[in-house]
Amino acid sequence: MEPMKGDATSALFQRAARFAIQIPMRYRPAGDMQWREGYTENISRSGVLFRTSQPMPLLTPIEMTLALPSEVGGGDDATVICRGRVVRTEPANRLDPRPAVAATIAGYRLAHVQGNDPRRI
């Protein structure tokens, strides 16, 4: 029997709303010292899809920093530090020569920005 629309079971399987936001980001395997660079394709409350020339294997624990513009949160610009796990990779396509990486957002915190550069935390 399939769940009816609007019942509690179907609500469990709803995807989080995705926002097409293209911003630079940094990421690294959890605990690694070397940051890598990428560019977000879309973001939701539960994950991020980003393009990069340095993809990572599935299930890799990952740390990410995102410099969110004020338009996203409605307040000041904010740098967010996230942790999660790589859950999917996609090959490059004709619109973007870089592969895509999908990662969960399992936790996050706001970072205090040093000076005017949101990449420095």
PDB file of N, CA and C in Angstrom:
ATOM      1  N   MET A   1       0.840  -1.180   0.000  1.00  0.00           N
ATOM      2  CA  MET A   1       0.000   0.000   0.000  1.00  0.00           C
ATOM      3  C   MET A   1       0.886   1.245   0.000  1.00  0.00           C
ATOM      4  N   GLU A   2       0.632   2.163  -0.907  1.00  0.00           N
ATOM      5  CA  GLU A   2       1.405   3.397  -0.993  1.00  0.00           C
ATOM      6  C   GLU A   2       0.868   4.430  -0.019  1.00  0.00           C
ATOM      7  N   PRO A   3       1.753   5.204   0.599  1.00  0.00           N
ATOM      8  CA  PRO A   3       1.273   6.249   1.505  1.00  0.00           C
ATOM      9  C   PRO A   3       0.516   7.318   0.737  1.00  0.00           C
ATOM     10  N   MET A   4      -0.489   7.867   1.367  1.00  0.00           N
ATOM     11  CA  MET A   4      -1.263   8.948   0.766  1.00  0.00           C
ATOM     12  C   MET A   4      -0.488  10.247   0.910  1.00  0.00           C
ATOM     13  N   LYS A   5      -0.718  11.134  -0.023  1.00  0.00           N
ATOM     14  CA  LYS A   5      -0.068  12.440   0.076  1.00  0.00           C
ATOM     15  C   LYS A   5      -0.509  13.138   1.346  1.00  0.00           C
ATOM     16  N   GLY A   6       0.481  13.709   2.032  1.00  0.00           N
ATOM     17  CA  GLY A   6       0.163  14.477   3.224  1.00  0.00           C
ATOM     18  C   GLY A   6       0.156  13.671   4.507  1.00  0.00           C
ATOM     19  N   ASP A   7       0.271  12.331   4.431  1.00  0.00           N
ATOM     20  CA  ASP A   7       0.286  11.579   5.685  1.00  0.00           C
ATOM     21  C   ASP A   7       1.694  11.575   6.276  1.00  0.00           C
ATOM     22  N   ALA A   8       1.829  11.082   7.496  1.00  0.00           N
ATOM     23  CA  ALA A   8       3.107  11.149   8.214  1.00  0.00           C
ATOM     24  C   ALA A   8       4.199  10.361   7.509  1.00  0.00           C
ATOM     25  N   THR A   9       3.864   9.223   6.896  1.00  0.00           N
ATOM     26  CA  THR A   9       4.879   8.413   6.236  1.00  0.00           C
ATOM     27  C   THR A   9       5.468   9.130   5.036  1.00  0.00           C
ATOM     28  N   SER A  10       4.627   9.742   4.211  1.00  0.00           N
ATOM     29  CA  SER A  10       5.155  10.434   3.035  1.00  0.00           C
ATOM     30  C   SER A  10       5.983  11.649   3.439  1.00  0.00           C
ATOM     31  N   ALA A  11       5.665  12.262   4.559  1.00  0.00           N
ATOM     32  CA  ALA A  11       6.430  13.422   5.026  1.00  0.00           C
ATOM     33  C   ALA A  11       7.857  13.027   5.381  1.00  0.00           C
ATOM     34  N   LEU A  12       8.066  11.783   5.816  1.00  0.00           N
ATOM     35  CA  LEU A  12       9.407  11.325   6.161  1.00  0.00           C
ATOM     36  C   LEU A  12      10.317  11.259   4.943  1.00  0.00           C
ATOM     37  N   PHE A  13       9.741  11.073   3.771  1.00  0.00           N
ATOM     38  CA  PHE A  13      10.532  10.886   2.566  1.00  0.00           C
ATOM     39  C   PHE A  13      10.597  12.130   1.692  1.00  0.00           C
ATOM     40  N   GLN A  14      10.103  13.244   2.167  1.00  0.00           N
ATOM     41  CA  GLN A  14      10.175  14.481   1.402  1.00  0.00           C
ATOM     42  C   GLN A  14      11.598  15.006   1.375  1.00  0.00           C
ATOM     43  N   ARG A  15      12.014  15.462   0.217  1.00  0.00           N
ATOM     44  CA  ARG A  15      13.331  16.076   0.100  1.00  0.00           C
ATOM     45  C   ARG A  15      13.275  17.495   0.632  1.00  0.00           C
ATOM     46  N   ALA A  16      14.364  17.912   1.199  1.00  0.00           N
ATOM     47  CA  ALA A  16      14.462  19.301   1.662  1.00  0.00           C
ATOM     48  C   ALA A  16      14.444  20.228   0.449  1.00  0.00           C
ATOM     49  N   ALA A  17      13.865  21.401   0.613  1.00  0.00           N
ATOM     50  CA  ALA A  17      13.830  22.383  -0.477  1.00  0.00           C
ATOM     51  C   ALA A  17      15.254  22.755  -0.869  1.00  0.00           C
ATOM     52  N   ARG A  18      15.508  22.775  -2.158  1.00  0.00           N
ATOM     53  CA  ARG A  18      16.833  23.104  -2.674  1.00  0.00           C
ATOM     54  C   ARG A  18      16.825  24.520  -3.238  1.00  0.00           C
ATOM     55  N   PHE A  19      17.930  25.217  -2.997  1.00  0.00           N
ATOM     56  CA  PHE A  19      18.076  26.585  -3.478  1.00  0.00           C
ATOM     57  C   PHE A  19      19.267  26.643  -4.424  1.00  0.00           C
ATOM     58  N   ALA A  20      19.041  27.095  -5.634  1.00  0.00           N
ATOM     59  CA  ALA A  20      20.108  27.206  -6.635  1.00  0.00           C
ATOM     60  C   ALA A  20      20.971  28.413  -6.292  1.00  0.00           C
ATOM     61  N   ILE A  21      22.021  28.162  -5.528  1.00  0.00           N
ATOM     62  CA  ILE A  21      22.924  29.224  -5.079  1.00  0.00           C
ATOM     63  C   ILE A  21      24.334  28.847  -5.518  1.00  0.00           C
ATOM     64  N   GLN A  22      24.926  29.668  -6.344  1.00  0.00           N
ATOM     65  CA  GLN A  22      26.278  29.407  -6.824  1.00  0.00           C
ATOM     66  C   GLN A  22      27.244  30.344  -6.102  1.00  0.00           C
ATOM     67  N   ILE A  23      27.954  29.777  -5.126  1.00  0.00           N
ATOM     68  CA  ILE A  23      28.937  30.545  -4.365  1.00  0.00           C
ATOM     69  C   ILE A  23      30.213  29.717  -4.210  1.00  0.00           C
ATOM     70  N   PRO A  24      31.363  30.386  -4.085  1.00  0.00           N
ATOM     71  CA  PRO A  24      32.598  29.643  -3.835  1.00  0.00           C
ATOM     72  C   PRO A  24      32.550  28.993  -2.459  1.00  0.00           C
ATOM     73  N   MET A  25      33.219  27.871  -2.342  1.00  0.00           N
ATOM     74  CA  MET A  25      33.286  27.168  -1.061  1.00  0.00           C
ATOM     75  C   MET A  25      34.651  26.500  -0.939  1.00  0.00           C
ATOM     76  N   ARG A  26      34.953  26.093   0.288  1.00  0.00           N
ATOM     77  CA  ARG A  26      36.151  25.297   0.540  1.00  0.00           C
ATOM     78  C   ARG A  26      35.706  24.019   1.226  1.00  0.00           C
ATOM     79  N   TYR A  27      36.438  22.940   1.001  1.00  0.00           N
ATOM     80  CA  TYR A  27      36.098  21.661   1.623  1.00  0.00           C
ATOM     81  C   TYR A  27      37.374  20.839   1.790  1.00  0.00           C
ATOM     82  N   ARG A  28      37.287  19.839   2.644  1.00  0.00           N
ATOM     83  CA  ARG A  28      38.408  18.919   2.843  1.00  0.00           C
ATOM     84  C   ARG A  28      37.891  17.654   3.502  1.00  0.00           C
ATOM     85  N   PRO A  29      38.607  16.544   3.324  1.00  0.00           N
ATOM     86  CA  PRO A  29      38.262  15.361   4.108  1.00  0.00           C
ATOM     87  C   PRO A  29      38.414  15.714   5.590  1.00  0.00           C
ATOM     88  N   ALA A  30      37.501  15.246   6.422  1.00  0.00           N
ATOM     89  CA  ALA A  30      37.524  15.583   7.853  1.00  0.00           C
ATOM     90  C   ALA A  30      38.898  15.291   8.444  1.00  0.00           C
ATOM     91  N   GLY A  31      39.456  16.284   9.134  1.00  0.00           N
ATOM     92  CA  GLY A  31      40.745  16.139   9.793  1.00  0.00           C
ATOM     93  C   GLY A  31      41.943  16.469   8.919  1.00  0.00           C
ATOM     94  N   ASP A  32      41.748  16.595   7.614  1.00  0.00           N
ATOM     95  CA  ASP A  32      42.841  16.930   6.702  1.00  0.00           C
ATOM     96  C   ASP A  32      43.213  18.398   6.892  1.00  0.00           C
ATOM     97  N   MET A  33      44.451  18.746   6.641  1.00  0.00           N
ATOM     98  CA  MET A  33      44.892  20.132   6.784  1.00  0.00           C
ATOM     99  C   MET A  33      44.698  20.932   5.499  1.00  0.00           C
ATOM    100  N   GLN A  34      44.674  20.276   4.362  1.00  0.00           N
ATOM    101  CA  GLN A  34      44.623  20.944   3.057  1.00  0.00           C
ATOM    102  C   GLN A  34      43.183  21.200   2.608  1.00  0.00           C
ATOM    103  N   TRP A  35      42.818  22.472   2.445  1.00  0.00           N
ATOM    104  CA  TRP A  35      41.505  22.836   1.919  1.00  0.00           C
ATOM    105  C   TRP A  35      41.530  22.749   0.401  1.00  0.00           C
ATOM    106  N   ARG A  36      40.405  22.343  -0.171  1.00  0.00           N
ATOM    107  CA  ARG A  36      40.212  22.313  -1.619  1.00  0.00           C
ATOM    108  C   ARG A  36      39.123  23.326  -1.957  1.00  0.00           C
ATOM    109  N   GLU A  37      39.049  23.728  -3.209  1.00  0.00           N
ATOM    110  CA  GLU A  37      38.067  24.739  -3.595  1.00  0.00           C
ATOM    111  C   GLU A  37      37.025  24.161  -4.527  1.00  0.00           C
ATOM    112  N   GLY A  38      35.816  24.671  -4.400  1.00  0.00           N
ATOM    113  CA  GLY A  38      34.717  24.261  -5.261  1.00  0.00           C
ATOM    114  C   GLY A  38      33.719  25.391  -5.388  1.00  0.00           C
ATOM    115  N   TYR A  39      32.607  25.084  -6.027  1.00  0.00           N
ATOM    116  CA  TYR A  39      31.563  26.077  -6.264  1.00  0.00           C
ATOM    117  C   TYR A  39      30.224  25.392  -6.098  1.00  0.00           C
ATOM    118  N   THR A  40      29.372  25.925  -5.229  1.00  0.00           N
ATOM    119  CA  THR A  40      28.085  25.271  -4.998  1.00  0.00           C
ATOM    120  C   THR A  40      27.193  25.365  -6.229  1.00  0.00           C
ATOM    121  N   GLU A  41      26.382  24.335  -6.397  1.00  0.00           N
ATOM    122  CA  GLU A  41      25.370  24.330  -7.447  1.00  0.00           C
ATOM    123  C   GLU A  41      23.991  24.525  -6.820  1.00  0.00           C
ATOM    124  N   ASN A  42      23.774  23.838  -5.698  1.00  0.00           N
ATOM    125  CA  ASN A  42      22.556  24.076  -4.922  1.00  0.00           C
ATOM    126  C   ASN A  42      22.789  23.667  -3.478  1.00  0.00           C
ATOM    127  N   ILE A  43      21.954  24.226  -2.594  1.00  0.00           N
ATOM    128  CA  ILE A  43      22.072  23.997  -1.155  1.00  0.00           C
ATOM    129  C   ILE A  43      20.682  23.749  -0.597  1.00  0.00           C
ATOM    130  N   SER A  44      20.602  22.839   0.381  1.00  0.00           N
ATOM    131  CA  SER A  44      19.369  22.639   1.148  1.00  0.00           C
ATOM    132  C   SER A  44      19.757  22.588   2.615  1.00  0.00           C
ATOM    133  N   ARG A  45      18.778  22.445   3.491  1.00  0.00           N
ATOM    134  CA  ARG A  45      19.111  22.360   4.919  1.00  0.00           C
ATOM    135  C   ARG A  45      19.826  21.054   5.249  1.00  0.00           C
ATOM    136  N   SER A  46      19.712  20.056   4.355  1.00  0.00           N
ATOM    137  CA  SER A  46      20.313  18.758   4.649  1.00  0.00           C
ATOM    138  C   SER A  46      21.532  18.423   3.799  1.00  0.00           C
ATOM    139  N   GLY A  47      21.877  19.275   2.825  1.00  0.00           N
ATOM    140  CA  GLY A  47      23.030  18.945   2.003  1.00  0.00           C
ATOM    141  C   GLY A  47      23.388  20.018   1.000  1.00  0.00           C
ATOM    142  N   VAL A  48      24.470  19.734   0.279  1.00  0.00           N
ATOM    143  CA  VAL A  48      24.969  20.672  -0.732  1.00  0.00           C
ATOM    144  C   VAL A  48      25.472  19.870  -1.927  1.00  0.00           C
ATOM    145  N   LEU A  49      25.224  20.392  -3.117  1.00  0.00           N
ATOM    146  CA  LEU A  49      25.784  19.833  -4.343  1.00  0.00           C
ATOM    147  C   LEU A  49      26.775  20.862  -4.854  1.00  0.00           C
ATOM    148  N   PHE A  50      28.027  20.427  -5.059  1.00  0.00           N
ATOM    149  CA  PHE A  50      29.039  21.370  -5.522  1.00  0.00           C
ATOM    150  C   PHE A  50      29.895  20.769  -6.619  1.00  0.00           C
ATOM    151  N   ARG A  51      30.488  21.652  -7.405  1.00  0.00           N
ATOM    152  CA  ARG A  51      31.376  21.271  -8.508  1.00  0.00           C
ATOM    153  C   ARG A  51      32.815  21.522  -8.081  1.00  0.00           C
ATOM    154  N   THR A  52      33.682  20.581  -8.462  1.00  0.00           N
ATOM    155  CA  THR A  52      35.082  20.700  -8.103  1.00  0.00           C
ATOM    156  C   THR A  52      35.932  19.872  -9.049  1.00  0.00           C
ATOM    157  N   SER A  53      37.181  20.210  -9.169  1.00  0.00           N
ATOM    158  CA  SER A  53      38.093  19.407  -9.984  1.00  0.00           C
ATOM    159  C   SER A  53      38.735  18.296  -9.159  1.00  0.00           C
ATOM    160  N   GLN A  54      38.432  18.249  -7.846  1.00  0.00           N
ATOM    161  CA  GLN A  54      39.019  17.243  -6.961  1.00  0.00           C
ATOM    162  C   GLN A  54      37.925  16.513  -6.174  1.00  0.00           C
ATOM    163  N   PRO A  55      37.171  15.612  -6.825  1.00  0.00           N
ATOM    164  CA  PRO A  55      36.114  14.899  -6.099  1.00  0.00           C
ATOM    165  C   PRO A  55      36.694  13.924  -5.074  1.00  0.00           C
ATOM    166  N   MET A  56      35.842  13.448  -4.181  1.00  0.00           N
ATOM    167  CA  MET A  56      36.253  12.519  -3.134  1.00  0.00           C
ATOM    168  C   MET A  56      35.407  11.255  -3.209  1.00  0.00           C
ATOM    169  N   PRO A  57      35.902  10.150  -2.664  1.00  0.00           N
ATOM    170  CA  PRO A  57      35.144   8.896  -2.690  1.00  0.00           C
ATOM    171  C   PRO A  57      33.860   8.982  -1.859  1.00  0.00           C
ATOM    172  N   LEU A  58      32.894   8.149  -2.210  1.00  0.00           N
ATOM    173  CA  LEU A  58      31.650   8.058  -1.446  1.00  0.00           C
ATOM    174  C   LEU A  58      31.933   7.744   0.013  1.00  0.00           C
ATOM    175  N   LEU A  59      31.103   8.262   0.870  1.00  0.00           N
ATOM    176  CA  LEU A  59      31.123   8.060   2.328  1.00  0.00           C
ATOM    177  C   LEU A  59      32.292   8.742   3.032  1.00  0.00           C
ATOM    178  N   THR A  60      33.082   9.533   2.311  1.00  0.00           N
ATOM    179  CA  THR A  60      34.173  10.272   2.947  1.00  0.00           C
ATOM    180  C   THR A  60      33.593  11.330   3.881  1.00  0.00           C
ATOM    181  N   PRO A  61      33.976  11.335   5.171  1.00  0.00           N
ATOM    182  CA  PRO A  61      33.566  12.443   6.047  1.00  0.00           C
ATOM    183  C   PRO A  61      34.204  13.730   5.523  1.00  0.00           C
ATOM    184  N   ILE A  62      33.444  14.819   5.538  1.00  0.00           N
ATOM    185  CA  ILE A  62      33.879  16.053   4.894  1.00  0.00           C
ATOM    186  C   ILE A  62      33.594  17.251   5.788  1.00  0.00           C
ATOM    187  N   GLU A  63      34.476  18.244   5.710  1.00  0.00           N
ATOM    188  CA  GLU A  63      34.266  19.543   6.351  1.00  0.00           C
ATOM    189  C   GLU A  63      34.171  20.577   5.241  1.00  0.00           C
ATOM    190  N   MET A  64      33.254  21.536   5.378  1.00  0.00           N
ATOM    191  CA  MET A  64      33.036  22.546   4.339  1.00  0.00           C
ATOM    192  C   MET A  64      32.895  23.914   4.981  1.00  0.00           C
ATOM    193  N   THR A  65      33.344  24.949   4.289  1.00  0.00           N
ATOM    194  CA  THR A  65      33.060  26.325   4.696  1.00  0.00           C
ATOM    195  C   THR A  65      32.365  27.013   3.534  1.00  0.00           C
ATOM    196  N   LEU A  66      31.285  27.700   3.856  1.00  0.00           N
ATOM    197  CA  LEU A  66      30.487  28.415   2.866  1.00  0.00           C
ATOM    198  C   LEU A  66      30.343  29.856   3.321  1.00  0.00           C
ATOM    199  N   ALA A  67      30.633  30.803   2.449  1.00  0.00           N
ATOM    200  CA  ALA A  67      30.435  32.225   2.753  1.00  0.00           C
ATOM    201  C   ALA A  67      29.073  32.610   2.191  1.00  0.00           C
ATOM    202  N   LEU A  68      28.043  32.576   3.037  1.00  0.00           N
ATOM    203  CA  LEU A  68      26.675  32.840   2.592  1.00  0.00           C
ATOM    204  C   LEU A  68      26.397  34.334   2.545  1.00  0.00           C
ATOM    205  N   PRO A  69      25.883  34.817   1.416  1.00  0.00           N
ATOM    206  CA  PRO A  69      25.539  36.239   1.322  1.00  0.00           C
ATOM    207  C   PRO A  69      24.297  36.554   2.144  1.00  0.00           C
ATOM    208  N   SER A  70      24.107  37.811   2.466  1.00  0.00           N
ATOM    209  CA  SER A  70      22.975  38.224   3.301  1.00  0.00           C
ATOM    210  C   SER A  70      21.635  37.859   2.681  1.00  0.00           C
ATOM    211  N   GLU A  71      21.554  37.750   1.359  1.00  0.00           N
ATOM    212  CA  GLU A  71      20.297  37.408   0.700  1.00  0.00           C
ATOM    213  C   GLU A  71      19.800  36.021   1.105  1.00  0.00           C
ATOM    214  N   VAL A  72      20.715  35.141   1.501  1.00  0.00           N
ATOM    215  CA  VAL A  72      20.330  33.774   1.859  1.00  0.00           C
ATOM    216  C   VAL A  72      19.653  33.733   3.218  1.00  0.00           C
ATOM    217  N   GLY A  73      20.267  34.340   4.220  1.00  0.00           N
ATOM    218  CA  GLY A  73      19.735  34.255   5.574  1.00  0.00           C
ATOM    219  C   GLY A  73      18.923  35.451   6.012  1.00  0.00           C
ATOM    220  N   GLY A  74      18.928  36.507   5.235  1.00  0.00           N
ATOM    221  CA  GLY A  74      18.168  37.683   5.598  1.00  0.00           C
ATOM    222  C   GLY A  74      18.876  38.597   6.579  1.00  0.00           C
ATOM    223  N   GLY A  75      20.073  38.233   7.015  1.00  0.00           N
ATOM    224  CA  GLY A  75      20.841  39.071   7.934  1.00  0.00           C
ATOM    225  C   GLY A  75      22.149  39.473   7.283  1.00  0.00           C
ATOM    226  N   ASP A  76      23.187  39.564   8.101  1.00  0.00           N
ATOM    227  CA  ASP A  76      24.515  39.892   7.585  1.00  0.00           C
ATOM    228  C   ASP A  76      25.097  38.698   6.836  1.00  0.00           C
ATOM    229  N   ASP A  77      26.136  38.976   6.024  1.00  0.00           N
ATOM    230  CA  ASP A  77      26.879  37.888   5.405  1.00  0.00           C
ATOM    231  C   ASP A  77      27.391  36.980   6.522  1.00  0.00           C
ATOM    232  N   ALA A  78      27.456  35.678   6.262  1.00  0.00           N
ATOM    233  CA  ALA A  78      27.876  34.738   7.297  1.00  0.00           C
ATOM    234  C   ALA A  78      28.734  33.641   6.693  1.00  0.00           C
ATOM    235  N   THR A  79      29.753  33.232   7.417  1.00  0.00           N
ATOM    236  CA  THR A  79      30.537  32.070   7.037  1.00  0.00           C
ATOM    237  C   THR A  79      30.075  30.913   7.906  1.00  0.00           C
ATOM    238  N   VAL A  80      29.704  29.821   7.246  1.00  0.00           N
ATOM    239  CA  VAL A  80      29.180  28.646   7.932  1.00  0.00           C
ATOM    240  C   VAL A  80      30.173  27.507   7.757  1.00  0.00           C
ATOM    241  N   ILE A  81      30.497  26.842   8.856  1.00  0.00           N
ATOM    242  CA  ILE A  81      31.347  25.658   8.824  1.00  0.00           C
ATOM    243  C   ILE A  81      30.433  24.452   8.995  1.00  0.00           C
ATOM    244  N   CYS A  82      30.493  23.531   8.036  1.00  0.00           N
ATOM    245  CA  CYS A  82      29.610  22.358   8.050  1.00  0.00           C
ATOM    246  C   CYS A  82      30.433  21.082   8.103  1.00  0.00           C
ATOM    247  N   ARG A  83      29.816  20.045   8.626  1.00  0.00           N
ATOM    248  CA  ARG A  83      30.408  18.712   8.530  1.00  0.00           C
ATOM    249  C   ARG A  83      29.347  17.787   7.960  1.00  0.00           C
ATOM    250  N   GLY A  84      29.797  16.797   7.236  1.00  0.00           N
ATOM    251  CA  GLY A  84      28.865  15.859   6.627  1.00  0.00           C
ATOM    252  C   GLY A  84      29.610  14.692   6.019  1.00  0.00           C
ATOM    253  N   ARG A  85      29.021  14.128   4.972  1.00  0.00           N
ATOM    254  CA  ARG A  85      29.591  12.947   4.336  1.00  0.00           C
ATOM    255  C   ARG A  85      29.242  12.986   2.848  1.00  0.00           C
ATOM    256  N   VAL A  86      30.181  12.563   2.007  1.00  0.00           N
ATOM    257  CA  VAL A  86      29.929  12.488   0.567  1.00  0.00           C
ATOM    258  C   VAL A  86      28.946  11.346   0.312  1.00  0.00           C
ATOM    259  N   VAL A  87      27.836  11.660  -0.365  1.00  0.00           N
ATOM    260  CA  VAL A  87      26.808  10.640  -0.608  1.00  0.00           C
ATOM    261  C   VAL A  87      26.595  10.344  -2.092  1.00  0.00           C
ATOM    262  N   ARG A  88      27.141  11.193  -2.965  1.00  0.00           N
ATOM    263  CA  ARG A  88      26.948  10.964  -4.398  1.00  0.00           C
ATOM    264  C   ARG A  88      27.978  11.771  -5.173  1.00  0.00           C
ATOM    265  N   THR A  89      28.384  11.233  -6.305  1.00  0.00           N
ATOM    266  CA  THR A  89      29.202  11.993  -7.244  1.00  0.00           C
ATOM    267  C   THR A  89      28.542  11.906  -8.614  1.00  0.00           C
ATOM    268  N   GLU A  90      28.734  12.934  -9.412  1.00  0.00           N
ATOM    269  CA  GLU A  90      28.186  12.981 -10.766  1.00  0.00           C
ATOM    270  C   GLU A  90      29.307  13.367 -11.716  1.00  0.00           C
ATOM    271  N   PRO A  91      29.307  12.791 -12.911  1.00  0.00           N
ATOM    272  CA  PRO A  91      30.356  13.156 -13.868  1.00  0.00           C
ATOM    273  C   PRO A  91      30.177  14.587 -14.369  1.00  0.00           C
ATOM    274  N   ALA A  92      31.223  15.102 -14.967  1.00  0.00           N
ATOM    275  CA  ALA A  92      31.141  16.423 -15.605  1.00  0.00           C
ATOM    276  C   ALA A  92      30.067  16.370 -16.685  1.00  0.00           C
ATOM    277  N   ASN A  93      29.524  17.521 -17.016  1.00  0.00           N
ATOM    278  CA  ASN A  93      28.527  17.572 -18.088  1.00  0.00           C
ATOM    279  C   ASN A  93      28.921  18.650 -19.090  1.00  0.00           C
ATOM    280  N   ARG A  94      28.122  18.824 -20.112  1.00  0.00           N
ATOM    281  CA  ARG A  94      28.492  19.782 -21.164  1.00  0.00           C
ATOM    282  C   ARG A  94      28.446  21.226 -20.677  1.00  0.00           C
ATOM    283  N   LEU A  95      27.703  21.494 -19.589  1.00  0.00           N
ATOM    284  CA  LEU A  95      27.627  22.854 -19.054  1.00  0.00           C
ATOM    285  C   LEU A  95      28.772  23.173 -18.104  1.00  0.00           C
ATOM    286  N   ASP A  96      29.335  22.126 -17.478  1.00  0.00           N
ATOM    287  CA  ASP A  96      30.423  22.337 -16.519  1.00  0.00           C
ATOM    288  C   ASP A  96      31.395  21.170 -16.621  1.00  0.00           C
ATOM    289  N   PRO A  97      32.668  21.431 -16.912  1.00  0.00           N
ATOM    290  CA  PRO A  97      33.638  20.354 -17.090  1.00  0.00           C
ATOM    291  C   PRO A  97      34.082  19.691 -15.784  1.00  0.00           C
ATOM    292  N   ARG A  98      33.624  20.214 -14.650  1.00  0.00           N
ATOM    293  CA  ARG A  98      34.028  19.641 -13.364  1.00  0.00           C
ATOM    294  C   ARG A  98      32.979  18.652 -12.866  1.00  0.00           C
ATOM    295  N   PRO A  99      33.405  17.555 -12.234  1.00  0.00           N
ATOM    296  CA  PRO A  99      32.436  16.637 -11.643  1.00  0.00           C
ATOM    297  C   PRO A  99      31.714  17.297 -10.468  1.00  0.00           C
ATOM    298  N   ALA A 100      30.570  16.741 -10.112  1.00  0.00           N
ATOM    299  CA  ALA A 100      29.794  17.250  -8.978  1.00  0.00           C
ATOM    300  C   ALA A 100      29.898  16.277  -7.811  1.00  0.00           C
ATOM    301  N   VAL A 101      29.844  16.826  -6.614  1.00  0.00           N
ATOM    302  CA  VAL A 101      29.865  16.047  -5.378  1.00  0.00           C
ATOM    303  C   VAL A 101      28.660  16.473  -4.549  1.00  0.00           C
ATOM    304  N   ALA A 102      27.897  15.496  -4.070  1.00  0.00           N
ATOM    305  CA  ALA A 102      26.785  15.771  -3.161  1.00  0.00           C
ATOM    306  C   ALA A 102      27.206  15.322  -1.769  1.00  0.00           C
ATOM    307  N   ALA A 103      27.040  16.202  -0.796  1.00  0.00           N
ATOM    308  CA  ALA A 103      27.414  15.890   0.584  1.00  0.00           C
ATOM    309  C   ALA A 103      26.272  16.269   1.514  1.00  0.00           C
ATOM    310  N   THR A 104      26.097  15.475   2.552  1.00  0.00           N
ATOM    311  CA  THR A 104      25.108  15.807   3.570  1.00  0.00           C
ATOM    312  C   THR A 104      25.634  16.947   4.424  1.00  0.00           C
ATOM    313  N   ILE A 105      24.724  17.621   5.102  1.00  0.00           N
ATOM    314  CA  ILE A 105      25.092  18.574   6.148  1.00  0.00           C
ATOM    315  C   ILE A 105      24.548  17.982   7.440  1.00  0.00           C
ATOM    316  N   ALA A 106      25.443  17.356   8.212  1.00  0.00           N
ATOM    317  CA  ALA A 106      25.041  16.698   9.452  1.00  0.00           C
ATOM    318  C   ALA A 106      25.100  17.651  10.638  1.00  0.00           C
ATOM    319  N   GLY A 107      25.880  18.704  10.515  1.00  0.00           N
ATOM    320  CA  GLY A 107      25.996  19.699  11.571  1.00  0.00           C
ATOM    321  C   GLY A 107      26.675  20.934  11.022  1.00  0.00           C
ATOM    322  N   TYR A 108      26.436  22.062  11.665  1.00  0.00           N
ATOM    323  CA  TYR A 108      27.060  23.295  11.201  1.00  0.00           C
ATOM    324  C   TYR A 108      27.180  24.275  12.355  1.00  0.00           C
ATOM    325  N   ARG A 109      28.045  25.271  12.164  1.00  0.00           N
ATOM    326  CA  ARG A 109      28.164  26.376  13.116  1.00  0.00           C
ATOM    327  C   ARG A 109      28.587  27.613  12.348  1.00  0.00           C
ATOM    328  N   LEU A 110      28.254  28.768  12.891  1.00  0.00           N
ATOM    329  CA  LEU A 110      28.680  30.030  12.294  1.00  0.00           C
ATOM    330  C   LEU A 110      30.105  30.320  12.725  1.00  0.00           C
ATOM    331  N   ALA A 111      30.899  30.834  11.814  1.00  0.00           N
ATOM    332  CA  ALA A 111      32.287  31.179  12.113  1.00  0.00           C
ATOM    333  C   ALA A 111      32.398  32.679  12.282  1.00  0.00           C
ATOM    334  N   HIS A 112      33.322  33.092  13.105  1.00  0.00           N
ATOM    335  CA  HIS A 112      33.620  34.513  13.244  1.00  0.00           C
ATOM    336  C   HIS A 112      34.608  34.878  12.152  1.00  0.00           C
ATOM    337  N   VAL A 113      34.261  35.845  11.344  1.00  0.00           N
ATOM    338  CA  VAL A 113      35.101  36.249  10.224  1.00  0.00           C
ATOM    339  C   VAL A 113      36.184  37.195  10.718  1.00  0.00           C
ATOM    340  N   GLN A 114      37.415  36.974  10.246  1.00  0.00           N
ATOM    341  CA  GLN A 114      38.538  37.838  10.595  1.00  0.00           C
ATOM    342  C   GLN A 114      38.730  38.849   9.477  1.00  0.00           C
ATOM    343  N   GLY A 115      38.560  40.104   9.776  1.00  0.00           N
ATOM    344  CA  GLY A 115      38.722  41.140   8.763  1.00  0.00           C
ATOM    345  C   GLY A 115      37.587  41.116   7.754  1.00  0.00           C
ATOM    346  N   ASN A 116      37.883  41.503   6.523  1.00  0.00           N
ATOM    347  CA  ASN A 116      36.865  41.570   5.475  1.00  0.00           C
ATOM    348  C   ASN A 116      36.804  40.322   4.618  1.00  0.00           C
ATOM    349  N   ASP A 117      37.688  39.364   4.826  1.00  0.00           N
ATOM    350  CA  ASP A 117      37.752  38.183   3.973  1.00  0.00           C
ATOM    351  C   ASP A 117      36.964  37.041   4.607  1.00  0.00           C
ATOM    352  N   PRO A 118      35.794  36.672   4.042  1.00  0.00           N
ATOM    353  CA  PRO A 118      34.977  35.620   4.642  1.00  0.00           C
ATOM    354  C   PRO A 118      35.627  34.251   4.578  1.00  0.00           C
ATOM    355  N   ARG A 119      36.717  34.102   3.821  1.00  0.00           N
ATOM    356  CA  ARG A 119      37.389  32.804   3.769  1.00  0.00           C
ATOM    357  C   ARG A 119      38.313  32.603   4.965  1.00  0.00           C
ATOM    358  N   ARG A 120      38.660  33.675   5.663  1.00  0.00           N
ATOM    359  CA  ARG A 120      39.553  33.567   6.826  1.00  0.00           C
ATOM    360  C   ARG A 120      38.715  33.404   8.078  1.00  0.00           C
ATOM    361  N   ILE A 121      38.880  32.284   8.728  1.00  0.00           N
ATOM    362  CA  ILE A 121      38.108  32.026   9.950  1.00  0.00           C
ATOM    363  C   ILE A 121      39.030  31.681  11.096  1.00  0.00           C
TER     364      ILE A 121
END
